[in-house]
Amino acid sequence: MLYRPLSPDLSTIDAAPSLLTRHAERTGYAGPPPAPTMEVLRALQAAHLAAIPFESFDPLMGQAVDTGAEAVDAKLLGARRRGGYCFEQNGLFLRVLRAAGFVAEPLLGRVRWMMPGDAPPTARTHLVLRVMLEGRAWLVDVGFGATVPPQPLAMDHSRPQPTRHERYRVRRGRRSYRVEAEVMGEWRVLYDVEDSPAPAIDLEVGNWYTSTHPASHFRHMLVAARTTDAARHGLRDNRLTIRHADGAVEQRYLDADAIERALADIFLIDVEPGWRRAIERAATVEAAPA
């Protein structure tokens, strides 16, 4: 399969007239009429996270990810009812926000999640958004799997910010921001985000690496996630973890049939017949630390 690049310049993409309607139909958005307000931003983000799952079956199946607007809309908003990873999710959400009147731009980050503090720098393979509202910058992310920030995070201070799940904080560096989540009483780094808006070519390279490079874990691991007001749901190969908003945690290991049921019932993914071999392989993975 040939790799199809991004549109020439993400910063100038005009949303199709029907984009907001199609997004609302997929997400069940029932908030205020779209307008550049914090109430709408929070509601759009929550609806998106609850309805459009994080998943990476295309790289797992050896298929490059097409992040062009037409391809992303067909996959995430169309009849296929699929999810995607950050370049698809946040690329779509950027266009949705702009169509609603928000001032938003893409930023690239280096993932640090579950890495020791002295680990070498990673590639710039995570896309997030910076949204300006009333003179303040807010970090918005709908594409970071099971630990995705569930609401906008203020970027102008480093104090802990409570959400309906974990607390988060955004720490300012010289040319970047460090985003952290408090998990089980410990602050853990999610990613470091560069301060400058990312040009389309950098997004294209980051997506190409993430979806095609042999070292990308999406090429070897079955991953799905979905965040609702009530709970976070995460699937990593055969390990299903549910973290409830009240702090309760469920975890169990699934066989291939149970993985397919979880993908359909919990993650709202229409399972494709060609995935069965990868699902069976994921079911044989040995138990790993949480």
Protein backbone atom coordinates (compact mmCIF):
# COMPACT_ATOMS: atom_id res chain seq x y z
CA MET A 1 0.00 0.00 0.00
CA LEU A 2 1.39 3.37 -0.99
CA TYR A 3 1.67 6.02 1.70
CA ARG A 4 -0.57 8.99 1.00
CA PRO A 5 0.73 12.22 2.55
CA LEU A 6 -1.09 14.88 4.49
CA SER A 7 -2.80 17.72 2.76
CA PRO A 8 -0.19 20.33 1.80
CA ASP A 9 -0.83 22.66 4.76
CA LEU A 10 -2.95 21.67 7.73
CA SER A 11 -3.08 25.29 8.86
CA THR A 12 -5.16 26.29 5.82
CA ILE A 13 -7.60 23.38 5.55
CA ASP A 14 -11.19 24.60 5.28
CA ALA A 15 -13.69 22.33 7.00
CA ALA A 16 -16.42 20.90 4.80
CA PRO A 17 -19.82 22.46 5.55
CA SER A 18 -21.11 19.17 6.91
CA LEU A 19 -18.14 18.43 9.19
CA LEU A 20 -19.72 19.65 12.43
CA THR A 21 -22.93 17.78 11.65
CA ARG A 22 -21.10 14.56 10.82
CA HIS A 23 -18.96 14.85 13.93
CA ALA A 24 -22.05 15.44 16.11
CA GLU A 25 -23.80 12.46 14.54
CA ARG A 26 -20.82 10.19 15.30
CA THR A 27 -20.19 11.48 18.82
CA GLY A 28 -23.75 12.15 19.94
CA TYR A 29 -22.76 15.70 20.85
CA ALA A 30 -25.62 17.28 22.79
CA GLY A 31 -23.93 20.40 24.14
CA PRO A 32 -24.49 24.06 23.33
CA PRO A 33 -24.46 25.21 19.70
CA PRO A 34 -20.86 25.23 18.40
CA ALA A 35 -19.10 28.47 19.31
CA PRO A 36 -15.60 29.34 20.60
CA THR A 37 -16.36 29.02 24.33
CA MET A 38 -14.88 26.87 27.09
CA GLU A 39 -18.24 25.18 27.64
CA VAL A 40 -18.37 24.05 24.03
CA LEU A 41 -14.70 23.03 23.98
CA ARG A 42 -15.13 20.80 27.04
CA ALA A 43 -18.33 19.29 25.67
CA LEU A 44 -16.87 18.59 22.21
CA GLN A 45 -13.77 16.98 23.74
CA ALA A 46 -15.77 14.77 26.12
CA ALA A 47 -18.16 13.65 23.38
CA HIS A 48 -15.29 12.84 21.03
CA LEU A 49 -13.37 10.79 23.61
CA ALA A 50 -16.43 8.79 24.61
CA ALA A 51 -17.53 7.94 21.07
CA ILE A 52 -14.45 7.67 18.83
CA PRO A 53 -11.98 5.13 20.25
CA PHE A 54 -8.23 5.26 20.17
CA GLU A 55 -7.02 2.29 18.13
CA SER A 56 -4.13 1.40 15.85
CA PHE A 57 -5.23 -1.60 13.78
CA ASP A 58 -3.93 -0.16 10.50
CA PRO A 59 -0.24 -0.16 11.58
CA LEU A 60 -0.75 -3.53 13.29
CA MET A 61 -1.99 -4.93 9.99
CA GLY A 62 0.96 -3.44 8.08
CA GLN A 63 -1.07 -0.61 6.55
CA ALA A 64 0.23 2.95 6.46
CA VAL A 65 -2.09 5.53 8.01
CA ASP A 66 -3.58 8.08 5.63
CA THR A 67 -4.10 11.36 7.51
CA GLY A 68 -5.66 13.28 4.64
CA ALA A 69 -8.98 14.85 5.61
CA GLU A 70 -11.04 12.74 3.22
CA ALA A 71 -9.53 9.47 4.45
CA VAL A 72 -9.81 10.39 8.14
CA ASP A 73 -13.43 11.51 7.79
CA ALA A 74 -14.36 8.30 5.96
CA LYS A 75 -12.69 6.18 8.64
CA LEU A 76 -13.70 8.01 11.84
CA LEU A 77 -16.99 9.64 10.82
CA GLY A 78 -18.22 7.37 8.04
CA ALA A 79 -19.87 3.98 7.86
CA ARG A 80 -16.68 2.14 8.86
CA ARG A 81 -17.07 3.52 12.43
CA ARG A 82 -13.40 3.10 13.19
CA GLY A 83 -11.12 4.92 15.60
CA GLY A 84 -7.54 6.00 15.11
CA TYR A 85 -4.45 7.36 16.79
CA CYS A 86 -3.23 10.89 17.48
CA PHE A 87 -2.50 12.07 13.94
CA GLU A 88 -5.99 11.04 12.84
CA GLN A 89 -7.86 11.96 16.02
CA ASN A 90 -6.30 15.35 16.71
CA GLY A 91 -6.09 16.18 13.00
CA LEU A 92 -9.85 15.69 12.77
CA PHE A 93 -10.51 17.53 16.02
CA LEU A 94 -8.41 20.48 14.82
CA ARG A 95 -10.71 20.85 11.82
CA VAL A 96 -13.81 20.45 13.99
CA LEU A 97 -12.64 23.17 16.36
CA ARG A 98 -11.79 25.55 13.56
CA ALA A 99 -15.18 24.91 11.97
CA ALA A 100 -16.74 25.87 15.32
CA GLY A 101 -14.81 29.15 15.35
CA PHE A 102 -11.91 28.27 17.66
CA VAL A 103 -8.36 29.51 17.12
CA ALA A 104 -6.33 26.30 17.26
CA GLU A 105 -2.98 25.03 16.01
CA PRO A 106 -1.10 21.70 15.97
CA LEU A 107 1.89 21.02 18.24
CA LEU A 108 4.21 18.02 18.15
CA GLY A 109 5.43 16.16 21.22
CA ARG A 110 7.84 13.45 22.33
CA VAL A 111 6.14 10.63 24.23
CA ARG A 112 7.66 9.85 27.65
CA TRP A 113 4.88 7.70 29.08
CA MET A 114 6.11 4.65 31.06
CA MET A 115 9.76 5.58 30.41
CA PRO A 116 12.48 6.09 33.03
CA GLY A 117 13.54 9.68 33.60
CA ASP A 118 16.95 9.14 32.04
CA ALA A 119 15.63 7.53 28.85
CA PRO A 120 17.00 9.16 25.66
CA PRO A 121 14.74 11.53 23.70
CA THR A 122 12.06 9.94 21.58
CA ALA A 123 10.95 11.06 18.14
CA ARG A 124 8.28 13.72 17.70
CA THR A 125 5.40 11.31 17.20
CA HIS A 126 2.52 12.75 19.22
CA LEU A 127 0.18 15.43 17.92
CA VAL A 128 -1.74 17.70 20.31
CA LEU A 129 -3.58 20.98 19.89
CA ARG A 130 -3.17 24.43 21.39
CA VAL A 131 -6.41 26.39 21.60
CA MET A 132 -6.54 30.11 22.40
CA LEU A 133 -9.52 31.34 24.41
CA GLU A 134 -9.79 34.83 25.88
CA GLY A 135 -6.04 35.34 25.74
CA ARG A 136 -5.15 32.02 27.40
CA ALA A 137 -3.59 28.93 25.83
CA TRP A 138 -5.16 25.53 26.45
CA LEU A 139 -3.73 22.12 25.59
CA VAL A 140 -6.33 19.84 24.03
CA ASP A 141 -5.72 16.18 23.21
CA VAL A 142 -8.15 13.48 22.03
CA GLY A 143 -5.48 11.03 20.85
CA PHE A 144 -3.34 9.69 23.71
CA GLY A 145 -5.02 6.41 24.53
CA ALA A 146 -5.96 5.38 28.05
CA THR A 147 -4.30 8.33 29.82
CA VAL A 148 -5.50 11.09 27.49
CA PRO A 149 -6.33 14.35 29.30
CA PRO A 150 -10.15 14.28 29.48
CA GLN A 151 -10.54 18.06 29.31
CA PRO A 152 -8.58 21.15 28.22
CA LEU A 153 -5.47 21.90 30.31
CA ALA A 154 -4.31 25.45 31.00
CA MET A 155 -0.80 26.01 29.67
CA ASP A 156 -0.02 29.20 31.64
CA HIS A 157 0.74 27.65 35.05
CA SER A 158 2.16 24.43 36.53
CA ARG A 159 -0.34 23.89 39.33
CA PRO A 160 -2.24 20.57 39.45
CA GLN A 161 -5.44 20.65 37.44
CA PRO A 162 -8.22 18.31 38.60
CA THR A 163 -10.29 16.44 36.01
CA ARG A 164 -13.05 13.87 36.36
CA HIS A 165 -10.26 11.27 36.33
CA GLU A 166 -6.61 12.02 37.21
CA ARG A 167 -5.06 15.34 38.09
CA TYR A 168 -2.78 16.85 35.44
CA ARG A 169 -0.21 19.59 35.28
CA VAL A 170 1.60 21.39 32.47
CA ARG A 171 5.13 22.48 33.30
CA ARG A 172 6.79 25.14 31.14
CA GLY A 173 10.32 24.55 29.87
CA ARG A 174 12.56 26.78 27.73
CA ARG A 175 11.01 25.77 24.41
CA SER A 176 8.51 23.13 25.41
CA TYR A 177 5.84 22.02 27.85
CA ARG A 178 5.92 18.85 29.94
CA VAL A 179 2.52 17.25 30.50
CA GLU A 180 2.15 15.01 33.56
CA ALA A 181 -0.63 12.96 35.16
CA GLU A 182 -0.94 11.90 38.77
CA VAL A 183 -1.42 8.12 38.67
CA MET A 184 -1.73 6.12 41.89
CA GLY A 185 -0.28 9.04 43.86
CA GLU A 186 2.73 9.51 41.59
CA TRP A 187 3.33 12.18 38.96
CA ARG A 188 4.19 10.53 35.63
CA VAL A 189 5.24 12.23 32.42
CA LEU A 190 2.99 11.74 29.41
CA TYR A 191 4.90 13.76 26.84
CA ASP A 192 6.97 16.87 26.14
CA VAL A 193 5.33 19.24 23.66
CA GLU A 194 7.20 21.78 21.57
CA ASP A 195 6.10 25.40 21.82
CA SER A 196 6.14 26.17 18.08
CA PRO A 197 3.27 25.20 15.76
CA ALA A 198 4.14 22.11 13.72
CA PRO A 199 4.32 22.52 9.93
CA ALA A 200 2.54 19.93 7.81
CA ILE A 201 5.78 18.22 6.72
CA ASP A 202 6.71 17.47 10.34
CA LEU A 203 3.27 15.97 10.95
CA GLU A 204 3.70 13.86 7.82
CA VAL A 205 7.09 12.54 8.96
CA GLY A 206 5.84 11.82 12.49
CA ASN A 207 2.84 9.92 11.17
CA TRP A 208 4.95 8.00 8.66
CA TYR A 209 7.36 6.89 11.40
CA THR A 210 4.57 5.95 13.79
CA SER A 211 2.61 3.89 11.28
CA THR A 212 5.41 2.25 9.31
CA HIS A 213 8.71 2.10 11.24
CA PRO A 214 9.59 -1.37 12.59
CA ALA A 215 10.39 0.15 15.99
CA SER A 216 6.91 1.65 16.41
CA HIS A 217 5.04 -0.35 19.06
CA PHE A 218 1.84 0.12 17.07
CA ARG A 219 3.31 -2.28 14.52
CA HIS A 220 3.50 -5.07 17.11
CA MET A 221 0.89 -4.40 19.82
CA LEU A 222 -2.89 -4.40 19.77
CA VAL A 223 -3.98 -1.16 21.44
CA ALA A 224 -7.40 0.35 22.05
CA ALA A 225 -8.72 2.92 24.52
CA ARG A 226 -11.87 4.86 25.30
CA THR A 227 -12.57 7.47 27.98
CA THR A 228 -16.02 8.31 29.30
CA ASP A 229 -17.17 10.36 32.28
CA ALA A 230 -17.51 7.17 34.30
CA ALA A 231 -14.36 5.24 33.40
CA ARG A 232 -11.27 4.76 31.32
CA HIS A 233 -11.07 1.59 29.25
CA GLY A 234 -7.74 0.34 27.92
CA LEU A 235 -6.80 -2.76 25.95
CA ARG A 236 -3.16 -3.69 25.48
CA ASP A 237 -2.92 -6.99 23.56
CA ASN A 238 -4.96 -9.30 25.80
CA ARG A 239 -5.01 -7.17 28.97
CA LEU A 240 -8.21 -5.20 29.55
CA THR A 241 -8.04 -2.50 32.23
CA ILE A 242 -10.98 -0.42 33.41
CA ARG A 243 -10.22 2.49 35.72
CA HIS A 244 -13.38 3.96 37.19
CA ALA A 245 -13.67 7.64 38.04
CA ASP A 246 -14.18 6.69 41.71
CA GLY A 247 -10.74 5.03 41.78
CA ALA A 248 -11.80 1.38 41.45
CA VAL A 249 -9.74 -0.66 38.98
CA GLU A 250 -10.66 -3.83 37.12
CA GLN A 251 -8.18 -5.88 35.13
CA ARG A 252 -8.46 -9.18 33.33
CA TYR A 253 -6.87 -11.12 30.50
CA LEU A 254 -8.91 -12.10 27.47
CA ASP A 255 -8.87 -14.88 24.90
CA ALA A 256 -9.33 -14.08 21.20
CA ASP A 257 -13.13 -14.27 21.25
CA ALA A 258 -13.31 -12.05 24.34
CA ILE A 259 -10.96 -9.53 22.69
CA GLU A 260 -13.32 -9.31 19.72
CA ARG A 261 -16.31 -8.82 22.01
CA ALA A 262 -14.47 -6.12 23.99
CA LEU A 263 -13.49 -4.28 20.82
CA ALA A 264 -17.13 -4.24 19.72
CA ASP A 265 -18.94 -3.73 23.02
CA ILE A 266 -16.50 -1.59 25.06
CA PHE A 267 -14.47 0.22 22.41
CA LEU A 268 -17.29 0.55 19.84
CA ILE A 269 -15.11 -0.73 17.00
CA ASP A 270 -16.59 -2.67 14.10
CA VAL A 271 -14.18 -5.62 14.03
CA GLU A 272 -13.00 -6.49 10.53
CA PRO A 273 -12.58 -10.16 9.50
CA GLY A 274 -8.97 -9.59 8.44
CA TRP A 275 -7.97 -8.75 12.03
CA ARG A 276 -8.59 -12.23 13.44
CA ARG A 277 -5.02 -13.47 13.09
CA ALA A 278 -3.63 -10.39 14.85
CA ILE A 279 -6.24 -10.78 17.59
CA GLU A 280 -5.33 -14.43 18.09
CA ARG A 281 -1.68 -13.46 18.32
CA ALA A 282 -2.48 -10.77 20.90
CA ALA A 283 -4.38 -13.34 22.98
CA THR A 284 -1.19 -15.37 23.43
CA VAL A 285 0.92 -12.54 24.86
CA GLU A 286 2.23 -13.33 28.33
CA ALA A 287 0.96 -11.26 31.23
CA ALA A 288 2.97 -8.07 31.68
CA PRO A 289 3.16 -5.62 34.60
CA ALA A 290 0.32 -3.08 34.66
